[in-house]
PDB file of all heavy atoms in Angstrom:
ATOM      1  N   ALA A   1       8.456  -8.161   2.840  1.00  0.00           N
ATOM      2  CA  ALA A   1       8.095  -9.332   2.043  1.00  0.00           C
ATOM      3  C   ALA A   1       9.199 -10.384   2.085  1.00  0.00           C
ATOM      4  O   ALA A   1       8.931 -11.586   2.169  1.00  0.00           O
ATOM      5  CB  ALA A   1       7.805  -8.916   0.598  1.00  0.00           C
ATOM      6  N   GLU A   2      10.448  -9.937   2.045  1.00  0.00           N
ATOM      7  CA  GLU A   2      11.570 -10.866   2.157  1.00  0.00           C
ATOM      8  C   GLU A   2      11.571 -11.559   3.508  1.00  0.00           C
ATOM      9  O   GLU A   2      12.039 -12.698   3.627  1.00  0.00           O
ATOM     10  CB  GLU A   2      12.890 -10.117   1.955  1.00  0.00           C
ATOM     11  CG  GLU A   2      13.122  -9.634   0.529  1.00  0.00           C
ATOM     12  CD  GLU A   2      14.288  -8.680   0.412  1.00  0.00           C
ATOM     13  OE1 GLU A   2      14.859  -8.307   1.458  1.00  0.00           O
ATOM     14  OE2 GLU A   2      14.623  -8.285  -0.716  1.00  0.00           O
ATOM     15  N   ALA A   3      11.040 -10.880   4.531  1.00  0.00           N
ATOM     16  CA  ALA A   3      10.978 -11.458   5.873  1.00  0.00           C
ATOM     17  C   ALA A   3       9.784 -12.392   6.040  1.00  0.00           C
ATOM     18  O   ALA A   3       9.565 -12.910   7.138  1.00  0.00           O
ATOM     19  CB  ALA A   3      10.917 -10.350   6.918  1.00  0.00           C
ATOM     20  N   GLY A   4       9.019 -12.588   4.978  1.00  0.00           N
ATOM     21  CA  GLY A   4       7.927 -13.555   5.007  1.00  0.00           C
ATOM     22  C   GLY A   4       6.559 -12.990   5.301  1.00  0.00           C
ATOM     23  O   GLY A   4       5.583 -13.739   5.382  1.00  0.00           O
ATOM     24  N   ALA A   5       6.448 -11.670   5.463  1.00  0.00           N
ATOM     25  CA  ALA A   5       5.170 -11.058   5.813  1.00  0.00           C
ATOM     26  C   ALA A   5       4.261 -10.931   4.591  1.00  0.00           C
ATOM     27  O   ALA A   5       4.725 -10.881   3.451  1.00  0.00           O
ATOM     28  CB  ALA A   5       5.393  -9.679   6.426  1.00  0.00           C
ATOM     29  N   ARG A   6       2.966 -10.877   4.866  1.00  0.00           N
ATOM     30  CA  ARG A   6       2.000 -10.444   3.858  1.00  0.00           C
ATOM     31  C   ARG A   6       1.951  -8.924   3.950  1.00  0.00           C
ATOM     32  O   ARG A   6       1.638  -8.378   4.996  1.00  0.00           O
ATOM     33  CB  ARG A   6       0.623 -11.058   4.121  1.00  0.00           C
ATOM     34  CG  ARG A   6      -0.467 -10.578   3.162  1.00  0.00           C
ATOM     35  CD  ARG A   6      -1.728 -11.416   3.302  1.00  0.00           C
ATOM     36  NE  ARG A   6      -2.384 -11.227   4.577  1.00  0.00           N
ATOM     37  CZ  ARG A   6      -3.320 -10.301   4.807  1.00  0.00           C
ATOM     38  NH1 ARG A   6      -3.675  -9.463   3.843  1.00  0.00           N
ATOM     39  NH2 ARG A   6      -3.896 -10.206   5.996  1.00  0.00           N
ATOM     40  N   VAL A   7       2.263  -8.259   2.850  1.00  0.00           N
ATOM     41  CA  VAL A   7       2.473  -6.812   2.891  1.00  0.00           C
ATOM     42  C   VAL A   7       1.428  -6.093   2.053  1.00  0.00           C
ATOM     43  O   VAL A   7       1.231  -6.423   0.877  1.00  0.00           O
ATOM     44  CB  VAL A   7       3.883  -6.439   2.391  1.00  0.00           C
ATOM     45  CG1 VAL A   7       4.089  -4.918   2.451  1.00  0.00           C
ATOM     46  CG2 VAL A   7       4.953  -7.148   3.217  1.00  0.00           C
ATOM     47  N   THR A   8       0.773  -5.118   2.670  1.00  0.00           N
ATOM     48  CA  THR A   8      -0.093  -4.186   1.952  1.00  0.00           C
ATOM     49  C   THR A   8       0.594  -2.832   1.957  1.00  0.00           C
ATOM     50  O   THR A   8       0.905  -2.287   3.014  1.00  0.00           O
ATOM     51  CB  THR A   8      -1.473  -4.065   2.624  1.00  0.00           C
ATOM     52  OG1 THR A   8      -2.078  -5.353   2.694  1.00  0.00           O
ATOM     53  CG2 THR A   8      -2.370  -3.126   1.833  1.00  0.00           C
ATOM     54  N   LEU A   9       0.856  -2.308   0.766  1.00  0.00           N
ATOM     55  CA  LEU A   9       1.565  -1.041   0.606  1.00  0.00           C
ATOM     56  C   LEU A   9       0.592  -0.005   0.061  1.00  0.00           C
ATOM     57  O   LEU A   9       0.118  -0.112  -1.071  1.00  0.00           O
ATOM     58  CB  LEU A   9       2.751  -1.212  -0.347  1.00  0.00           C
ATOM     59  CG  LEU A   9       3.531   0.045  -0.729  1.00  0.00           C
ATOM     60  CD1 LEU A   9       4.188   0.673   0.496  1.00  0.00           C
ATOM     61  CD2 LEU A   9       4.582  -0.275  -1.796  1.00  0.00           C
ATOM     62  N   VAL A  10       0.272   0.991   0.876  1.00  0.00           N
ATOM     63  CA  VAL A  10      -0.602   2.085   0.462  1.00  0.00           C
ATOM     64  C   VAL A  10       0.292   3.272   0.131  1.00  0.00           C
ATOM     65  O   VAL A  10       0.988   3.800   1.007  1.00  0.00           O
ATOM     66  CB  VAL A  10      -1.609   2.450   1.571  1.00  0.00           C
ATOM     67  CG1 VAL A  10      -2.500   3.606   1.109  1.00  0.00           C
ATOM     68  CG2 VAL A  10      -2.460   1.243   1.939  1.00  0.00           C
ATOM     69  N   THR A  11       0.287   3.677  -1.121  1.00  0.00           N
ATOM     70  CA  THR A  11       1.254   4.676  -1.555  1.00  0.00           C
ATOM     71  C   THR A  11       0.597   5.844  -2.258  1.00  0.00           C
ATOM     72  O   THR A  11      -0.372   5.687  -3.012  1.00  0.00           O
ATOM     73  CB  THR A  11       2.312   4.053  -2.492  1.00  0.00           C
ATOM     74  OG1 THR A  11       3.204   5.074  -2.954  1.00  0.00           O
ATOM     75  CG2 THR A  11       1.668   3.388  -3.702  1.00  0.00           C
ATOM     76  N   GLY A  12       1.149   7.029  -1.992  1.00  0.00           N
ATOM     77  CA  GLY A  12       0.773   8.209  -2.746  1.00  0.00           C
ATOM     78  C   GLY A  12       1.411   8.172  -4.119  1.00  0.00           C
ATOM     79  O   GLY A  12       2.056   7.184  -4.498  1.00  0.00           O
ATOM     80  N   PRO A  13       1.255   9.245  -4.903  1.00  0.00           N
ATOM     81  CA  PRO A  13       1.758   9.257  -6.283  1.00  0.00           C
ATOM     82  C   PRO A  13       3.288   9.205  -6.349  1.00  0.00           C
ATOM     83  O   PRO A  13       3.970  10.152  -5.965  1.00  0.00           O
ATOM     84  CB  PRO A  13       1.224  10.586  -6.835  1.00  0.00           C
ATOM     85  CG  PRO A  13       0.093  10.967  -5.934  1.00  0.00           C
ATOM     86  CD  PRO A  13       0.481  10.466  -4.575  1.00  0.00           C
ATOM     87  N   VAL A  14       3.827   8.094  -6.804  1.00  0.00           N
ATOM     88  CA  VAL A  14       5.269   7.919  -6.976  1.00  0.00           C
ATOM     89  C   VAL A  14       5.521   7.170  -8.276  1.00  0.00           C
ATOM     90  O   VAL A  14       4.600   6.595  -8.869  1.00  0.00           O
ATOM     91  CB  VAL A  14       5.913   7.139  -5.803  1.00  0.00           C
ATOM     92  CG1 VAL A  14       5.783   7.913  -4.502  1.00  0.00           C
ATOM     93  CG2 VAL A  14       5.292   5.755  -5.667  1.00  0.00           C
ATOM     94  N   PHE A  15       6.763   7.169  -8.704  1.00  0.00           N
ATOM     95  CA  PHE A  15       7.146   6.477  -9.933  1.00  0.00           C
ATOM     96  C   PHE A  15       8.140   5.374  -9.591  1.00  0.00           C
ATOM     97  O   PHE A  15       9.315   5.426  -9.955  1.00  0.00           O
ATOM     98  CB  PHE A  15       7.740   7.474 -10.932  1.00  0.00           C
ATOM     99  CG  PHE A  15       6.795   8.581 -11.307  1.00  0.00           C
ATOM    100  CD1 PHE A  15       6.856   9.811 -10.659  1.00  0.00           C
ATOM    101  CD2 PHE A  15       5.831   8.394 -12.275  1.00  0.00           C
ATOM    102  CE1 PHE A  15       5.986  10.831 -10.976  1.00  0.00           C
ATOM    103  CE2 PHE A  15       4.944   9.405 -12.612  1.00  0.00           C
ATOM    104  CZ  PHE A  15       5.015  10.628 -11.959  1.00  0.00           C
ATOM    105  N   LEU A  16       7.662   4.380  -8.872  1.00  0.00           N
ATOM    106  CA  LEU A  16       8.505   3.270  -8.421  1.00  0.00           C
ATOM    107  C   LEU A  16       7.820   1.948  -8.766  1.00  0.00           C
ATOM    108  O   LEU A  16       6.591   1.847  -8.683  1.00  0.00           O
ATOM    109  CB  LEU A  16       8.728   3.348  -6.906  1.00  0.00           C
ATOM    110  CG  LEU A  16       9.496   4.565  -6.374  1.00  0.00           C
ATOM    111  CD1 LEU A  16       9.447   4.594  -4.853  1.00  0.00           C
ATOM    112  CD2 LEU A  16      10.938   4.533  -6.860  1.00  0.00           C
ATOM    113  N   PRO A  17       8.613   0.930  -9.122  1.00  0.00           N
ATOM    114  CA  PRO A  17       8.024  -0.384  -9.398  1.00  0.00           C
ATOM    115  C   PRO A  17       7.546  -1.042  -8.114  1.00  0.00           C
ATOM    116  O   PRO A  17       8.129  -0.844  -7.040  1.00  0.00           O
ATOM    117  CB  PRO A  17       9.177  -1.164 -10.042  1.00  0.00           C
ATOM    118  CG  PRO A  17      10.416  -0.519  -9.493  1.00  0.00           C
ATOM    119  CD  PRO A  17      10.080   0.939  -9.319  1.00  0.00           C
ATOM    120  N   THR A  18       6.501  -1.833  -8.209  1.00  0.00           N
ATOM    121  CA  THR A  18       5.960  -2.528  -7.047  1.00  0.00           C
ATOM    122  C   THR A  18       6.875  -3.676  -6.655  1.00  0.00           C
ATOM    123  O   THR A  18       7.223  -4.508  -7.496  1.00  0.00           O
ATOM    124  CB  THR A  18       4.564  -3.082  -7.351  1.00  0.00           C
ATOM    125  OG1 THR A  18       3.737  -2.008  -7.816  1.00  0.00           O
ATOM    126  CG2 THR A  18       3.939  -3.709  -6.115  1.00  0.00           C
ATOM    127  N   PRO A  19       7.304  -3.752  -5.395  1.00  0.00           N
ATOM    128  CA  PRO A  19       8.139  -4.886  -4.975  1.00  0.00           C
ATOM    129  C   PRO A  19       7.415  -6.218  -5.160  1.00  0.00           C
ATOM    130  O   PRO A  19       6.178  -6.285  -5.099  1.00  0.00           O
ATOM    131  CB  PRO A  19       8.399  -4.597  -3.486  1.00  0.00           C
ATOM    132  CG  PRO A  19       8.185  -3.125  -3.332  1.00  0.00           C
ATOM    133  CD  PRO A  19       7.101  -2.777  -4.308  1.00  0.00           C
ATOM    134  N   ASP A  20       8.174  -7.248  -5.374  1.00  0.00           N
ATOM    135  CA  ASP A  20       7.623  -8.584  -5.563  1.00  0.00           C
ATOM    136  C   ASP A  20       6.867  -9.029  -4.314  1.00  0.00           C
ATOM    137  O   ASP A  20       7.294  -8.769  -3.185  1.00  0.00           O
ATOM    138  CB  ASP A  20       8.771  -9.557  -5.863  1.00  0.00           C
ATOM    139  CG  ASP A  20       8.281 -10.901  -6.340  1.00  0.00           C
ATOM    140  OD1 ASP A  20       7.242 -10.949  -7.007  1.00  0.00           O
ATOM    141  OD2 ASP A  20       8.945 -11.915  -6.031  1.00  0.00           O
ATOM    142  N   ARG A  21       5.730  -9.669  -4.508  1.00  0.00           N
ATOM    143  CA  ARG A  21       4.898 -10.242  -3.440  1.00  0.00           C
ATOM    144  C   ARG A  21       4.307  -9.184  -2.510  1.00  0.00           C
ATOM    145  O   ARG A  21       4.028  -9.444  -1.350  1.00  0.00           O
ATOM    146  CB  ARG A  21       5.682 -11.270  -2.621  1.00  0.00           C
ATOM    147  CG  ARG A  21       6.092 -12.508  -3.410  1.00  0.00           C
ATOM    148  CD  ARG A  21       7.074 -13.353  -2.632  1.00  0.00           C
ATOM    149  NE  ARG A  21       8.340 -12.666  -2.468  1.00  0.00           N
ATOM    150  CZ  ARG A  21       9.296 -13.054  -1.651  1.00  0.00           C
ATOM    151  NH1 ARG A  21       9.119 -14.111  -0.883  1.00  0.00           N
ATOM    152  NH2 ARG A  21      10.428 -12.380  -1.555  1.00  0.00           N
ATOM    153  N   VAL A  22       4.113  -7.986  -3.021  1.00  0.00           N
ATOM    154  CA  VAL A  22       3.532  -6.894  -2.242  1.00  0.00           C
ATOM    155  C   VAL A  22       2.235  -6.448  -2.910  1.00  0.00           C
ATOM    156  O   VAL A  22       2.199  -6.233  -4.124  1.00  0.00           O
ATOM    157  CB  VAL A  22       4.513  -5.700  -2.140  1.00  0.00           C
ATOM    158  CG1 VAL A  22       3.826  -4.470  -1.564  1.00  0.00           C
ATOM    159  CG2 VAL A  22       5.720  -6.085  -1.280  1.00  0.00           C
ATOM    160  N   GLN A  23       1.166  -6.324  -2.120  1.00  0.00           N
ATOM    161  CA  GLN A  23      -0.095  -5.781  -2.626  1.00  0.00           C
ATOM    162  C   GLN A  23      -0.030  -4.264  -2.547  1.00  0.00           C
ATOM    163  O   GLN A  23       0.096  -3.692  -1.473  1.00  0.00           O
ATOM    164  CB  GLN A  23      -1.290  -6.290  -1.820  1.00  0.00           C
ATOM    165  CG  GLN A  23      -2.623  -5.737  -2.312  1.00  0.00           C
ATOM    166  CD  GLN A  23      -3.780  -6.040  -1.390  1.00  0.00           C
ATOM    167  OE1 GLN A  23      -3.594  -6.583  -0.302  1.00  0.00           O
ATOM    168  NE2 GLN A  23      -4.986  -5.693  -1.815  1.00  0.00           N
ATOM    169  N   ARG A  24      -0.147  -3.616  -3.689  1.00  0.00           N
ATOM    170  CA  ARG A  24      -0.010  -2.162  -3.762  1.00  0.00           C
ATOM    171  C   ARG A  24      -1.369  -1.511  -3.972  1.00  0.00           C
ATOM    172  O   ARG A  24      -2.153  -1.945  -4.821  1.00  0.00           O
ATOM    173  CB  ARG A  24       0.934  -1.785  -4.900  1.00  0.00           C
ATOM    174  CG  ARG A  24       1.049  -0.284  -5.169  1.00  0.00           C
ATOM    175  CD  ARG A  24       2.108  -0.032  -6.217  1.00  0.00           C
ATOM    176  NE  ARG A  24       2.194   1.362  -6.612  1.00  0.00           N
ATOM    177  CZ  ARG A  24       3.164   1.863  -7.368  1.00  0.00           C
ATOM    178  NH1 ARG A  24       4.145   1.069  -7.791  1.00  0.00           N
ATOM    179  NH2 ARG A  24       3.166   3.140  -7.701  1.00  0.00           N
ATOM    180  N   ILE A  25      -1.637  -0.461  -3.200  1.00  0.00           N
ATOM    181  CA  ILE A  25      -2.852   0.326  -3.339  1.00  0.00           C
ATOM    182  C   ILE A  25      -2.439   1.770  -3.571  1.00  0.00           C
ATOM    183  O   ILE A  25      -1.782   2.380  -2.717  1.00  0.00           O
ATOM    184  CB  ILE A  25      -3.747   0.216  -2.090  1.00  0.00           C
ATOM    185  CG1 ILE A  25      -4.131  -1.251  -1.832  1.00  0.00           C
ATOM    186  CG2 ILE A  25      -4.996   1.076  -2.240  1.00  0.00           C
ATOM    187  CD1 ILE A  25      -4.832  -1.474  -0.509  1.00  0.00           C
ATOM    188  N   ASP A  26      -2.784   2.326  -4.719  1.00  0.00           N
ATOM    189  CA  ASP A  26      -2.414   3.698  -5.054  1.00  0.00           C
ATOM    190  C   ASP A  26      -3.507   4.668  -4.622  1.00  0.00           C
ATOM    191  O   ASP A  26      -4.690   4.435  -4.876  1.00  0.00           O
ATOM    192  CB  ASP A  26      -2.174   3.837  -6.558  1.00  0.00           C
ATOM    193  CG  ASP A  26      -0.893   3.149  -7.001  1.00  0.00           C
ATOM    194  OD1 ASP A  26       0.184   3.654  -6.672  1.00  0.00           O
ATOM    195  OD2 ASP A  26      -0.983   2.096  -7.665  1.00  0.00           O
ATOM    196  N   VAL A  27      -3.098   5.739  -3.970  1.00  0.00           N
ATOM    197  CA  VAL A  27      -4.025   6.780  -3.528  1.00  0.00           C
ATOM    198  C   VAL A  27      -3.437   8.134  -3.910  1.00  0.00           C
ATOM    199  O   VAL A  27      -2.294   8.221  -4.364  1.00  0.00           O
ATOM    200  CB  VAL A  27      -4.271   6.711  -2.003  1.00  0.00           C
ATOM    201  CG1 VAL A  27      -4.904   5.384  -1.622  1.00  0.00           C
ATOM    202  CG2 VAL A  27      -2.968   6.939  -1.227  1.00  0.00           C
ATOM    203  N   VAL A  28      -4.224   9.183  -3.685  1.00  0.00           N
ATOM    204  CA  VAL A  28      -3.761  10.531  -4.010  1.00  0.00           C
ATOM    205  C   VAL A  28      -3.704  11.403  -2.760  1.00  0.00           C
ATOM    206  O   VAL A  28      -2.648  11.910  -2.390  1.00  0.00           O
ATOM    207  CB  VAL A  28      -4.654  11.177  -5.088  1.00  0.00           C
ATOM    208  CG1 VAL A  28      -4.216  12.620  -5.346  1.00  0.00           C
ATOM    209  CG2 VAL A  28      -4.596  10.371  -6.385  1.00  0.00           C
ATOM    210  N   SER A  29      -4.835  11.582  -2.102  1.00  0.00           N
ATOM    211  CA  SER A  29      -4.905  12.530  -0.991  1.00  0.00           C
ATOM    212  C   SER A  29      -4.743  11.829   0.353  1.00  0.00           C
ATOM    213  O   SER A  29      -4.770  10.597   0.453  1.00  0.00           O
ATOM    214  CB  SER A  29      -6.243  13.262  -1.019  1.00  0.00           C
ATOM    215  OG  SER A  29      -7.300  12.371  -0.673  1.00  0.00           O
ATOM    216  N   ALA A  30      -4.606  12.632   1.403  1.00  0.00           N
ATOM    217  CA  ALA A  30      -4.507  12.091   2.758  1.00  0.00           C
ATOM    218  C   ALA A  30      -5.775  11.342   3.140  1.00  0.00           C
ATOM    219  O   ALA A  30      -5.724  10.278   3.763  1.00  0.00           O
ATOM    220  CB  ALA A  30      -4.230  13.218   3.750  1.00  0.00           C
ATOM    221  N   ARG A  31      -6.930  11.879   2.763  1.00  0.00           N
ATOM    222  CA  ARG A  31      -8.182  11.200   3.081  1.00  0.00           C
ATOM    223  C   ARG A  31      -8.294   9.878   2.333  1.00  0.00           C
ATOM    224  O   ARG A  31      -8.806   8.889   2.872  1.00  0.00           O
ATOM    225  CB  ARG A  31      -9.368  12.121   2.792  1.00  0.00           C
ATOM    226  CG  ARG A  31      -9.499  13.262   3.804  1.00  0.00           C
ATOM    227  CD  ARG A  31     -10.621  14.227   3.447  1.00  0.00           C
ATOM    228  NE  ARG A  31     -10.333  14.980   2.228  1.00  0.00           N
ATOM    229  CZ  ARG A  31     -11.170  15.833   1.666  1.00  0.00           C
ATOM    230  NH1 ARG A  31     -12.361  16.058   2.220  1.00  0.00           N
ATOM    231  NH2 ARG A  31     -10.829  16.491   0.579  1.00  0.00           N
ATOM    232  N   ASP A  32      -7.807   9.855   1.088  1.00  0.00           N
ATOM    233  CA  ASP A  32      -7.771   8.588   0.338  1.00  0.00           C
ATOM    234  C   ASP A  32      -6.896   7.568   1.056  1.00  0.00           C
ATOM    235  O   ASP A  32      -7.245   6.385   1.157  1.00  0.00           O
ATOM    236  CB  ASP A  32      -7.203   8.809  -1.070  1.00  0.00           C
ATOM    237  CG  ASP A  32      -8.067   9.694  -1.939  1.00  0.00           C
ATOM    238  OD1 ASP A  32      -9.278   9.808  -1.656  1.00  0.00           O
ATOM    239  OD2 ASP A  32      -7.525  10.272  -2.907  1.00  0.00           O
ATOM    240  N   MET A  33      -5.751   8.032   1.553  1.00  0.00           N
ATOM    241  CA  MET A  33      -4.814   7.122   2.209  1.00  0.00           C
ATOM    242  C   MET A  33      -5.412   6.552   3.491  1.00  0.00           C
ATOM    243  O   MET A  33      -5.283   5.356   3.775  1.00  0.00           O
ATOM    244  CB  MET A  33      -3.490   7.838   2.492  1.00  0.00           C
ATOM    245  CG  MET A  33      -2.420   6.953   3.109  1.00  0.00           C
ATOM    246  SD  MET A  33      -0.771   7.727   3.159  1.00  0.00           S
ATOM    247  CE  MET A  33      -0.254   7.568   1.436  1.00  0.00           C
ATOM    248  N   LEU A  34      -6.088   7.403   4.269  1.00  0.00           N
ATOM    249  CA  LEU A  34      -6.719   6.922   5.495  1.00  0.00           C
ATOM    250  C   LEU A  34      -7.788   5.880   5.178  1.00  0.00           C
ATOM    251  O   LEU A  34      -7.848   4.829   5.833  1.00  0.00           O
ATOM    252  CB  LEU A  34      -7.336   8.083   6.262  1.00  0.00           C
ATOM    253  CG  LEU A  34      -8.129   7.702   7.518  1.00  0.00           C
ATOM    254  CD1 LEU A  34      -7.267   6.932   8.513  1.00  0.00           C
ATOM    255  CD2 LEU A  34      -8.728   8.950   8.171  1.00  0.00           C
ATOM    256  N   ALA A  35      -8.609   6.137   4.176  1.00  0.00           N
ATOM    257  CA  ALA A  35      -9.665   5.185   3.812  1.00  0.00           C
ATOM    258  C   ALA A  35      -9.077   3.855   3.368  1.00  0.00           C
ATOM    259  O   ALA A  35      -9.574   2.779   3.735  1.00  0.00           O
ATOM    260  CB  ALA A  35     -10.542   5.776   2.711  1.00  0.00           C
ATOM    261  N   ALA A  36      -7.994   3.908   2.584  1.00  0.00           N
ATOM    262  CA  ALA A  36      -7.357   2.676   2.118  1.00  0.00           C
ATOM    263  C   ALA A  36      -6.746   1.899   3.274  1.00  0.00           C
ATOM    264  O   ALA A  36      -6.817   0.667   3.321  1.00  0.00           O
ATOM    265  CB  ALA A  36      -6.293   3.005   1.073  1.00  0.00           C
ATOM    266  N   CYS A  37      -6.149   2.611   4.224  1.00  0.00           N
ATOM    267  CA  CYS A  37      -5.560   1.944   5.387  1.00  0.00           C
ATOM    268  C   CYS A  37      -6.633   1.295   6.256  1.00  0.00           C
ATOM    269  O   CYS A  37      -6.471   0.158   6.723  1.00  0.00           O
ATOM    270  CB  CYS A  37      -4.747   2.942   6.213  1.00  0.00           C
ATOM    271  SG  CYS A  37      -3.198   3.466   5.446  1.00  0.00           S
ATOM    272  N   GLU A  38      -7.722   1.994   6.471  1.00  0.00           N
ATOM    273  CA  GLU A  38      -8.803   1.427   7.289  1.00  0.00           C
ATOM    274  C   GLU A  38      -9.406   0.203   6.618  1.00  0.00           C
ATOM    275  O   GLU A  38      -9.766  -0.775   7.286  1.00  0.00           O
ATOM    276  CB  GLU A  38      -9.868   2.491   7.550  1.00  0.00           C
ATOM    277  CG  GLU A  38      -9.387   3.585   8.503  1.00  0.00           C
ATOM    278  CD  GLU A  38     -10.433   4.620   8.808  1.00  0.00           C
ATOM    279  OE1 GLU A  38     -11.205   4.977   7.879  1.00  0.00           O
ATOM    280  OE2 GLU A  38     -10.492   5.081   9.959  1.00  0.00           O
ATOM    281  N   ALA A  39      -9.485   0.236   5.284  1.00  0.00           N
ATOM    282  CA  ALA A  39     -10.007  -0.926   4.562  1.00  0.00           C
ATOM    283  C   ALA A  39      -9.062  -2.112   4.635  1.00  0.00           C
ATOM    284  O   ALA A  39      -9.493  -3.266   4.527  1.00  0.00           O
ATOM    285  CB  ALA A  39     -10.272  -0.553   3.101  1.00  0.00           C
ATOM    286  N   ALA A  40      -7.749  -1.843   4.800  1.00  0.00           N
ATOM    287  CA  ALA A  40      -6.750  -2.921   4.855  1.00  0.00           C
ATOM    288  C   ALA A  40      -6.609  -3.524   6.245  1.00  0.00           C
ATOM    289  O   ALA A  40      -5.948  -4.551   6.418  1.00  0.00           O
ATOM    290  CB  ALA A  40      -5.396  -2.396   4.389  1.00  0.00           C
ATOM    291  N   MET A  41      -7.199  -2.892   7.247  1.00  0.00           N
ATOM    292  CA  MET A  41      -7.128  -3.418   8.616  1.00  0.00           C
ATOM    293  C   MET A  41      -7.983  -4.678   8.734  1.00  0.00           C
ATOM    294  O   MET A  41      -8.910  -4.875   7.967  1.00  0.00           O
ATOM    295  CB  MET A  41      -7.598  -2.353   9.594  1.00  0.00           C
ATOM    296  CG  MET A  41      -6.697  -1.123   9.639  1.00  0.00           C
ATOM    297  SD  MET A  41      -5.096  -1.431  10.397  1.00  0.00           S
ATOM    298  CE  MET A  41      -5.545  -1.453  12.125  1.00  0.00           C
ATOM    299  N   PRO A  42      -7.689  -5.563   9.701  1.00  0.00           N
ATOM    300  CA  PRO A  42      -6.637  -5.435  10.710  1.00  0.00           C
ATOM    301  C   PRO A  42      -5.275  -5.850  10.165  1.00  0.00           C
ATOM    302  O   PRO A  42      -5.179  -6.540   9.148  1.00  0.00           O
ATOM    303  CB  PRO A  42      -7.111  -6.392  11.802  1.00  0.00           C
ATOM    304  CG  PRO A  42      -7.830  -7.468  11.048  1.00  0.00           C
ATOM    305  CD  PRO A  42      -8.521  -6.775   9.898  1.00  0.00           C
TER     306      PRO A  42
END
């Protein structure tokens, strides 16, 4: 994000604050993560 990119962050269960200017998508399982990534493409 600091480098100027539009960032989509797909993350499993963690306890971290979302970085500024980053779109965060929370998932649980591997299949959830794959579905979220495919939805965020291209």
